[in-house]
């Protein structure tokens, strides 16, 4: 069964996939052409003279990749429908990526819903790739890659070790470096090669 078609397998009718962020929903008018879920196993192999030692740590972060187009136009007569859906998808992804602040934990995540297969995941975007082709000038193609943290509704198993966000600000070391260099140079001479402007910067 094609993921972006309207057919069904005789049992389960195809439903549209969906992205949700802060109660704002983006529904795919055309489901992705490709739905690829990678489930890694955390394995480390150490070779020794007498054999191999295998460390197993269980499953790692899943990776979800969806590829498709936003189409050309919907059921109506709007020829720019596919373009508008593309702009909406791009805006949704950029909102998630840019909604990060230093020193603040991330509390809102991008939820991905595969309603056809009954799967829903809490995700973090890795990247959004956008492509156009001269043979299909009116079609906008997307390639979205996501890290899967857990299923929607599941509790975080270990919040102490799952740090998400940017918990520490970038250290401001310029002033310290300049002052330390200034002290070293003053040991040999009373002059300094650093301006007072640099020394007073925060």
C-alpha atoms as a PDB file:
ATOM      1  CA  UNK A   1       0.000   0.000   0.000  1.00  0.00           C
ATOM      2  CA  UNK A   2       1.405   3.375  -0.961  1.00  0.00           C
ATOM      3  CA  UNK A   3       1.767   5.636   2.040  1.00  0.00           C
ATOM      4  CA  UNK A   4       0.716   8.712   0.098  1.00  0.00           C
ATOM      5  CA  UNK A   5      -2.279   7.149  -1.678  1.00  0.00           C
ATOM      6  CA  UNK A   6      -5.928   6.989  -0.763  1.00  0.00           C
ATOM      7  CA  UNK A   7      -6.290   3.204  -0.888  1.00  0.00           C
ATOM      8  CA  UNK A   8      -6.658   0.899   2.070  1.00  0.00           C
ATOM      9  CA  UNK A   9      -5.654  -2.709   2.697  1.00  0.00           C
ATOM     10  CA  UNK A  10      -9.184  -3.957   3.296  1.00  0.00           C
ATOM     11  CA  UNK A  11      -8.807  -3.701   7.061  1.00  0.00           C
ATOM     12  CA  UNK A  12      -7.182  -0.406   7.978  1.00  0.00           C
ATOM     13  CA  UNK A  13      -8.178   2.726   6.113  1.00  0.00           C
ATOM     14  CA  UNK A  14      -5.303   5.082   5.419  1.00  0.00           C
ATOM     15  CA  UNK A  15      -5.153   8.089   7.717  1.00  0.00           C
ATOM     16  CA  UNK A  16      -3.094  11.240   7.402  1.00  0.00           C
ATOM     17  CA  UNK A  17       0.126  11.614   9.335  1.00  0.00           C
ATOM     18  CA  UNK A  18       0.504  14.650  11.567  1.00  0.00           C
ATOM     19  CA  UNK A  19       3.049  16.869  13.313  1.00  0.00           C
ATOM     20  CA  UNK A  20       2.103  18.689  16.503  1.00  0.00           C
ATOM     21  CA  UNK A  21       4.001  21.349  18.443  1.00  0.00           C
ATOM     22  CA  UNK A  22       2.581  23.441  21.287  1.00  0.00           C
ATOM     23  CA  UNK A  23      -0.963  22.437  20.347  1.00  0.00           C
ATOM     24  CA  UNK A  24      -0.424  23.576  16.752  1.00  0.00           C
ATOM     25  CA  UNK A  25      -1.042  20.809  14.225  1.00  0.00           C
ATOM     26  CA  UNK A  26       0.314  20.208  10.734  1.00  0.00           C
ATOM     27  CA  UNK A  27      -1.546  17.466   8.859  1.00  0.00           C
ATOM     28  CA  UNK A  28       0.037  15.997   5.713  1.00  0.00           C
ATOM     29  CA  UNK A  29      -2.444  16.250   2.840  1.00  0.00           C
ATOM     30  CA  UNK A  30      -0.260  13.661   1.134  1.00  0.00           C
ATOM     31  CA  UNK A  31       1.334  11.165   3.459  1.00  0.00           C
ATOM     32  CA  UNK A  32       5.114  10.768   3.091  1.00  0.00           C
ATOM     33  CA  UNK A  33       6.267   8.570   0.225  1.00  0.00           C
ATOM     34  CA  UNK A  34       8.902   7.055   2.508  1.00  0.00           C
ATOM     35  CA  UNK A  35       8.552   6.230   6.204  1.00  0.00           C
ATOM     36  CA  UNK A  36      11.818   4.872   7.610  1.00  0.00           C
ATOM     37  CA  UNK A  37      12.237   4.074  11.321  1.00  0.00           C
ATOM     38  CA  UNK A  38      15.715   2.997  12.423  1.00  0.00           C
ATOM     39  CA  UNK A  39      15.989   1.164  15.753  1.00  0.00           C
ATOM     40  CA  UNK A  40      19.654   0.935  16.825  1.00  0.00           C
ATOM     41  CA  UNK A  41      21.133  -1.400  19.408  1.00  0.00           C
ATOM     42  CA  UNK A  42      23.895   0.032  21.599  1.00  0.00           C
ATOM     43  CA  UNK A  43      26.721  -2.452  21.099  1.00  0.00           C
ATOM     44  CA  UNK A  44      30.437  -2.059  21.744  1.00  0.00           C
ATOM     45  CA  UNK A  45      32.839  -4.788  20.674  1.00  0.00           C
ATOM     46  CA  UNK A  46      36.348  -5.007  22.203  1.00  0.00           C
ATOM     47  CA  UNK A  47      38.780  -7.409  20.548  1.00  0.00           C
ATOM     48  CA  UNK A  48      41.420  -9.135  22.686  1.00  0.00           C
ATOM     49  CA  UNK A  49      43.968 -11.867  22.034  1.00  0.00           C
ATOM     50  CA  UNK A  50      41.669 -14.528  23.426  1.00  0.00           C
ATOM     51  CA  UNK A  51      38.489 -13.346  21.732  1.00  0.00           C
ATOM     52  CA  UNK A  52      35.957 -10.550  21.691  1.00  0.00           C
ATOM     53  CA  UNK A  53      34.131  -8.848  24.539  1.00  0.00           C
ATOM     54  CA  UNK A  54      30.697  -7.507  23.644  1.00  0.00           C
ATOM     55  CA  UNK A  55      29.096  -4.769  25.757  1.00  0.00           C
ATOM     56  CA  UNK A  56      25.332  -4.511  25.391  1.00  0.00           C
ATOM     57  CA  UNK A  57      23.429  -1.466  26.659  1.00  0.00           C
ATOM     58  CA  UNK A  58      20.018  -1.974  25.099  1.00  0.00           C
ATOM     59  CA  UNK A  59      18.312   0.055  22.395  1.00  0.00           C
ATOM     60  CA  UNK A  60      19.537   3.544  21.552  1.00  0.00           C
ATOM     61  CA  UNK A  61      17.763   6.606  20.187  1.00  0.00           C
ATOM     62  CA  UNK A  62      15.544   5.708  17.264  1.00  0.00           C
ATOM     63  CA  UNK A  63      15.789   7.740  14.066  1.00  0.00           C
ATOM     64  CA  UNK A  64      12.730   8.504  11.974  1.00  0.00           C
ATOM     65  CA  UNK A  65      13.042   9.662   8.377  1.00  0.00           C
ATOM     66  CA  UNK A  66      10.071  10.770   6.266  1.00  0.00           C
ATOM     67  CA  UNK A  67      10.344  11.833   2.633  1.00  0.00           C
ATOM     68  CA  UNK A  68       7.627  13.156   0.370  1.00  0.00           C
ATOM     69  CA  UNK A  69       6.048  16.181  -1.299  1.00  0.00           C
ATOM     70  CA  UNK A  70       3.404  18.671  -0.279  1.00  0.00           C
ATOM     71  CA  UNK A  71       1.619  18.088  -3.577  1.00  0.00           C
ATOM     72  CA  UNK A  72       0.407  20.583  -6.142  1.00  0.00           C
ATOM     73  CA  UNK A  73      -3.146  21.457  -5.201  1.00  0.00           C
ATOM     74  CA  UNK A  74      -5.795  20.078  -2.902  1.00  0.00           C
ATOM     75  CA  UNK A  75      -9.343  18.967  -3.631  1.00  0.00           C
ATOM     76  CA  UNK A  76     -10.260  22.578  -4.289  1.00  0.00           C
ATOM     77  CA  UNK A  77      -9.202  24.819  -7.183  1.00  0.00           C
ATOM     78  CA  UNK A  78      -6.353  26.595  -5.405  1.00  0.00           C
ATOM     79  CA  UNK A  79      -3.252  25.982  -7.580  1.00  0.00           C
ATOM     80  CA  UNK A  80      -0.968  27.270  -4.809  1.00  0.00           C
ATOM     81  CA  UNK A  81      -2.215  24.784  -2.200  1.00  0.00           C
ATOM     82  CA  UNK A  82       0.936  22.638  -2.326  1.00  0.00           C
ATOM     83  CA  UNK A  83       3.138  25.719  -1.992  1.00  0.00           C
ATOM     84  CA  UNK A  84       1.156  26.961   1.008  1.00  0.00           C
ATOM     85  CA  UNK A  85       1.449  23.541   2.667  1.00  0.00           C
ATOM     86  CA  UNK A  86       5.192  23.646   2.053  1.00  0.00           C
ATOM     87  CA  UNK A  87       5.458  27.063   3.724  1.00  0.00           C
ATOM     88  CA  UNK A  88       3.427  25.805   6.675  1.00  0.00           C
ATOM     89  CA  UNK A  89       5.635  22.709   7.051  1.00  0.00           C
ATOM     90  CA  UNK A  90       8.792  24.798   6.876  1.00  0.00           C
ATOM     91  CA  UNK A  91       7.419  27.249   9.466  1.00  0.00           C
ATOM     92  CA  UNK A  92       6.532  24.398  11.832  1.00  0.00           C
ATOM     93  CA  UNK A  93      10.018  22.886  11.657  1.00  0.00           C
ATOM     94  CA  UNK A  94      11.797  26.233  12.069  1.00  0.00           C
ATOM     95  CA  UNK A  95       9.610  27.124  15.058  1.00  0.00           C
ATOM     96  CA  UNK A  96      10.683  23.929  16.815  1.00  0.00           C
ATOM     97  CA  UNK A  97      14.370  24.411  15.976  1.00  0.00           C
ATOM     98  CA  UNK A  98      14.516  28.093  16.948  1.00  0.00           C
ATOM     99  CA  UNK A  99      12.541  27.760  20.178  1.00  0.00           C
ATOM    100  CA  UNK A 100      15.709  27.131  22.236  1.00  0.00           C
ATOM    101  CA  UNK A 101      17.193  29.430  24.888  1.00  0.00           C
ATOM    102  CA  UNK A 102      20.452  29.160  26.816  1.00  0.00           C
ATOM    103  CA  UNK A 103      20.043  27.882  30.318  1.00  0.00           C
ATOM    104  CA  UNK A 104      16.441  26.758  29.877  1.00  0.00           C
ATOM    105  CA  UNK A 105      15.402  23.113  29.732  1.00  0.00           C
ATOM    106  CA  UNK A 106      13.304  22.041  26.771  1.00  0.00           C
ATOM    107  CA  UNK A 107       9.735  21.281  27.829  1.00  0.00           C
ATOM    108  CA  UNK A 108       7.956  21.291  24.470  1.00  0.00           C
ATOM    109  CA  UNK A 109       8.691  18.682  21.828  1.00  0.00           C
ATOM    110  CA  UNK A 110       7.574  17.905  18.306  1.00  0.00           C
ATOM    111  CA  UNK A 111       5.081  15.038  18.341  1.00  0.00           C
ATOM    112  CA  UNK A 112       4.810  12.877  15.246  1.00  0.00           C
ATOM    113  CA  UNK A 113       1.627  10.867  14.678  1.00  0.00           C
ATOM    114  CA  UNK A 114       1.366   7.950  12.274  1.00  0.00           C
ATOM    115  CA  UNK A 115      -2.370   7.435  12.631  1.00  0.00           C
ATOM    116  CA  UNK A 116      -2.526   4.631  10.085  1.00  0.00           C
ATOM    117  CA  UNK A 117      -0.169   2.344  12.047  1.00  0.00           C
ATOM    118  CA  UNK A 118      -1.206   3.653  15.471  1.00  0.00           C
ATOM    119  CA  UNK A 119       2.246   5.019  16.306  1.00  0.00           C
ATOM    120  CA  UNK A 120       3.005   8.346  17.987  1.00  0.00           C
ATOM    121  CA  UNK A 121       6.446   9.592  18.991  1.00  0.00           C
ATOM    122  CA  UNK A 122       8.004  12.475  20.923  1.00  0.00           C
ATOM    123  CA  UNK A 123      10.783  13.695  18.652  1.00  0.00           C
ATOM    124  CA  UNK A 124      13.608  16.174  18.174  1.00  0.00           C
ATOM    125  CA  UNK A 125      14.314  17.414  14.613  1.00  0.00           C
ATOM    126  CA  UNK A 126      17.729  16.616  13.183  1.00  0.00           C
ATOM    127  CA  UNK A 127      17.264  18.399   9.879  1.00  0.00           C
ATOM    128  CA  UNK A 128      14.816  19.462   7.197  1.00  0.00           C
ATOM    129  CA  UNK A 129      16.010  19.097   3.599  1.00  0.00           C
ATOM    130  CA  UNK A 130      14.108  20.916   0.855  1.00  0.00           C
ATOM    131  CA  UNK A 131      14.587  20.138  -2.826  1.00  0.00           C
ATOM    132  CA  UNK A 132      13.136  21.241  -6.170  1.00  0.00           C
ATOM    133  CA  UNK A 133      13.562  19.605  -9.562  1.00  0.00           C
ATOM    134  CA  UNK A 134      13.461  21.185 -13.000  1.00  0.00           C
ATOM    135  CA  UNK A 135      11.289  18.309 -14.219  1.00  0.00           C
ATOM    136  CA  UNK A 136       8.740  19.018 -11.463  1.00  0.00           C
ATOM    137  CA  UNK A 137       8.967  22.806 -10.994  1.00  0.00           C
ATOM    138  CA  UNK A 138       5.714  23.073  -9.022  1.00  0.00           C
ATOM    139  CA  UNK A 139       6.463  20.278  -6.555  1.00  0.00           C
ATOM    140  CA  UNK A 140       8.179  20.893  -3.216  1.00  0.00           C
ATOM    141  CA  UNK A 141      10.000  17.855  -1.844  1.00  0.00           C
ATOM    142  CA  UNK A 142      10.944  17.475   1.799  1.00  0.00           C
ATOM    143  CA  UNK A 143      13.189  15.108   3.701  1.00  0.00           C
ATOM    144  CA  UNK A 144      12.689  15.273   7.488  1.00  0.00           C
ATOM    145  CA  UNK A 145      14.942  13.463   9.932  1.00  0.00           C
ATOM    146  CA  UNK A 146      13.985  13.137  13.597  1.00  0.00           C
ATOM    147  CA  UNK A 147      15.369  11.616  16.777  1.00  0.00           C
ATOM    148  CA  UNK A 148      12.718   9.627  18.637  1.00  0.00           C
ATOM    149  CA  UNK A 149      12.867  10.127  22.414  1.00  0.00           C
ATOM    150  CA  UNK A 150       9.896   7.983  23.420  1.00  0.00           C
ATOM    151  CA  UNK A 151       6.298   7.205  22.569  1.00  0.00           C
ATOM    152  CA  UNK A 152       3.725   9.922  23.153  1.00  0.00           C
ATOM    153  CA  UNK A 153       2.260   9.405  26.622  1.00  0.00           C
ATOM    154  CA  UNK A 154       5.233   7.457  28.009  1.00  0.00           C
ATOM    155  CA  UNK A 155       6.950   8.868  31.086  1.00  0.00           C
ATOM    156  CA  UNK A 156      10.630   9.810  30.945  1.00  0.00           C
ATOM    157  CA  UNK A 157      12.409   6.794  32.429  1.00  0.00           C
ATOM    158  CA  UNK A 158      15.443   8.590  33.810  1.00  0.00           C
ATOM    159  CA  UNK A 159      15.180  12.402  33.903  1.00  0.00           C
ATOM    160  CA  UNK A 160      18.464  12.619  35.837  1.00  0.00           C
ATOM    161  CA  UNK A 161      20.523  11.358  32.895  1.00  0.00           C
ATOM    162  CA  UNK A 162      18.366  12.632  30.026  1.00  0.00           C
ATOM    163  CA  UNK A 163      19.514  16.225  29.639  1.00  0.00           C
ATOM    164  CA  UNK A 164      17.732  18.002  26.808  1.00  0.00           C
ATOM    165  CA  UNK A 165      18.410  21.572  25.820  1.00  0.00           C
ATOM    166  CA  UNK A 166      21.317  23.916  26.429  1.00  0.00           C
ATOM    167  CA  UNK A 167      21.731  23.807  30.228  1.00  0.00           C
ATOM    168  CA  UNK A 168      24.927  25.888  30.288  1.00  0.00           C
ATOM    169  CA  UNK A 169      25.539  29.244  28.667  1.00  0.00           C
ATOM    170  CA  UNK A 170      28.596  29.673  26.477  1.00  0.00           C
ATOM    171  CA  UNK A 171      31.393  30.800  28.837  1.00  0.00           C
ATOM    172  CA  UNK A 172      32.563  34.373  28.382  1.00  0.00           C
ATOM    173  CA  UNK A 173      36.325  33.939  28.539  1.00  0.00           C
ATOM    174  CA  UNK A 174      37.547  36.913  26.498  1.00  0.00           C
ATOM    175  CA  UNK A 175      37.858  39.285  29.458  1.00  0.00           C
ATOM    176  CA  UNK A 176      39.632  36.687  31.604  1.00  0.00           C
ATOM    177  CA  UNK A 177      42.098  35.866  28.812  1.00  0.00           C
ATOM    178  CA  UNK A 178      42.918  39.518  28.176  1.00  0.00           C
ATOM    179  CA  UNK A 179      43.448  40.270  31.883  1.00  0.00           C
ATOM    180  CA  UNK A 180      45.655  37.236  32.414  1.00  0.00           C
ATOM    181  CA  UNK A 181      47.801  38.185  29.414  1.00  0.00           C
ATOM    182  CA  UNK A 182      47.956  41.767  30.651  1.00  0.00           C
ATOM    183  CA  UNK A 183      49.270  40.647  34.046  1.00  0.00           C
ATOM    184  CA  UNK A 184      52.004  38.544  32.433  1.00  0.00           C
ATOM    185  CA  UNK A 185      53.170  41.386  30.202  1.00  0.00           C
ATOM    186  CA  UNK A 186      53.286  43.842  33.115  1.00  0.00           C
ATOM    187  CA  UNK A 187      55.820  41.592  34.868  1.00  0.00           C
ATOM    188  CA  UNK A 188      58.392  42.704  32.293  1.00  0.00           C
ATOM    189  CA  UNK A 189      57.253  46.236  31.620  1.00  0.00           C
ATOM    190  CA  UNK A 190      54.791  48.780  32.870  1.00  0.00           C
ATOM    191  CA  UNK A 191      53.282  49.054  29.424  1.00  0.00           C
ATOM    192  CA  UNK A 192      50.515  46.863  28.102  1.00  0.00           C
ATOM    193  CA  UNK A 193      49.642  46.037  24.533  1.00  0.00           C
ATOM    194  CA  UNK A 194      45.919  45.690  25.337  1.00  0.00           C
ATOM    195  CA  UNK A 195      43.588  48.658  25.170  1.00  0.00           C
ATOM    196  CA  UNK A 196      41.440  49.724  28.092  1.00  0.00           C
ATOM    197  CA  UNK A 197      38.392  49.018  25.919  1.00  0.00           C
ATOM    198  CA  UNK A 198      39.236  45.328  25.802  1.00  0.00           C
ATOM    199  CA  UNK A 199      39.966  45.193  29.517  1.00  0.00           C
ATOM    200  CA  UNK A 200      36.562  46.611  30.411  1.00  0.00           C
ATOM    201  CA  UNK A 201      34.549  44.301  28.155  1.00  0.00           C
ATOM    202  CA  UNK A 202      32.194  41.852  29.871  1.00  0.00           C
END
